[in-house]
Protein backbone atom coordinates (compact mmCIF):
# COMPACT_ATOMS: atom_id res chain seq x y z
CA MET A 1 146.45 107.58 141.77
CA ASN A 2 143.49 105.38 141.19
CA GLY A 3 144.46 103.35 144.60
CA PHE A 4 145.11 100.14 142.74
CA PRO A 5 148.76 98.76 142.92
CA ASP A 6 150.82 99.60 139.82
CA ARG A 7 151.50 96.97 136.70
CA GLU A 8 154.96 96.80 138.45
CA GLN A 9 154.33 96.20 142.01
CA LEU A 10 152.07 93.35 141.19
CA LEU A 11 154.76 91.91 138.75
CA TRP A 12 157.24 91.98 141.42
CA ARG A 13 154.69 90.16 143.81
CA ILE A 14 153.99 87.36 141.35
CA GLN A 15 157.63 86.95 140.47
CA ALA A 16 158.38 86.82 144.38
CA LEU A 17 155.31 84.47 144.93
CA SER A 18 156.33 82.22 141.96
CA PHE A 19 159.96 81.54 143.38
CA THR A 20 158.70 80.65 146.87
CA ALA A 21 156.01 78.59 145.23
CA VAL A 22 158.40 76.32 143.17
CA ASP A 23 160.83 76.53 146.37
CA LEU A 24 158.39 75.21 148.56
CA ASN A 25 157.26 72.42 145.70
CA LEU A 26 161.09 71.19 145.21
CA TYR A 27 161.40 71.09 149.25
CA LEU A 28 158.20 69.10 149.43
CA ASP A 29 159.04 66.36 146.96
CA THR A 30 161.93 65.20 149.29
CA HIS A 31 159.91 66.02 152.54
CA PRO A 32 156.22 65.42 151.66
CA TRP A 33 155.24 64.80 155.07
CA ASP A 34 156.03 68.32 156.28
CA THR A 35 152.76 69.44 156.93
CA ARG A 36 154.50 73.13 158.18
CA ALA A 37 155.50 73.47 154.46
CA LEU A 38 152.58 71.88 152.78
CA ALA A 39 150.37 74.61 154.74
CA ASP A 40 153.29 77.30 153.67
CA TYR A 41 152.37 76.26 149.90
CA ASN A 42 148.87 76.12 149.86
CA GLN A 43 149.12 79.93 151.38
CA ILE A 44 151.20 81.00 148.64
CA SER A 45 149.26 79.62 146.04
CA ALA A 46 146.52 81.12 147.06
CA ALA A 47 148.13 84.49 147.43
CA LEU A 48 149.78 83.71 144.46
CA ALA A 49 146.22 82.92 142.42
CA GLN A 50 144.74 86.21 144.19
CA THR A 51 147.76 88.11 143.05
CA ARG A 52 147.11 86.91 139.33
CA ALA A 53 143.42 87.35 138.97
CA LEU A 54 144.11 91.20 139.93
CA TYR A 55 146.82 91.60 137.91
CA GLU A 56 144.65 90.20 135.32
CA GLN A 57 141.64 92.04 136.16
CA LEU A 58 143.75 95.15 135.99
CA TYR A 59 146.09 94.57 133.00
CA GLY A 60 144.88 91.60 131.06
CA PRO A 61 145.79 87.67 131.02
CA MET A 62 149.29 86.56 132.17
CA LEU A 63 149.16 82.88 131.28
CA ASN A 64 147.01 80.26 129.89
CA PHE A 65 147.27 77.96 133.01
CA GLY A 66 147.14 78.27 136.28
CA MET A 67 148.96 76.93 140.00
CA SER A 68 146.86 74.55 141.73
CA CYS A 69 146.83 74.17 146.00
CA GLY A 70 148.37 70.79 146.96
CA GLY A 71 145.24 69.88 149.14
CA ASP A 72 145.83 68.00 152.66
CA SER A 73 148.55 66.08 151.37
CA TRP A 74 151.44 66.03 148.46
CA ARG A 75 150.65 63.12 146.29
CA TRP A 76 153.28 63.90 143.61
CA VAL A 77 155.93 61.80 145.15
CA GLU A 78 153.64 59.05 145.52
CA GLU A 79 153.11 58.31 142.18
CA PRO A 80 155.61 56.04 140.05
CA TRP A 81 158.35 58.14 138.08
CA PRO A 82 158.94 57.36 134.73
CA TRP A 83 161.66 54.68 134.65
CA GLN A 84 159.52 53.06 137.54
CA ILE A 85 157.09 52.24 135.49
CA SER A 86 156.44 48.89 134.32
CA THR A 87 155.94 48.04 130.34
CA ARG A 88 153.51 45.32 130.21
CA ARG A 89 152.41 43.89 126.84
CA ALA A 90 149.18 42.45 126.17
């Protein structure tokens, strides 16, 4: 044993963290001012990034893009939705 988590353990952890991040993302879409949920999302996102980095260091790349933290506010729901964007003609 080399002291590193095995590939399967890391994949299970990444899967659990990813599921939690998606779940919190969906929750924050309907509760954007829930600061506790936002803090949880940021913590999970950081743990996911760290776990992915360890996996990639040990076993190679997983994805061609990463996940980002939400910062101190959840602005996704503040932007207009596609059907709310007016089409202006010059």
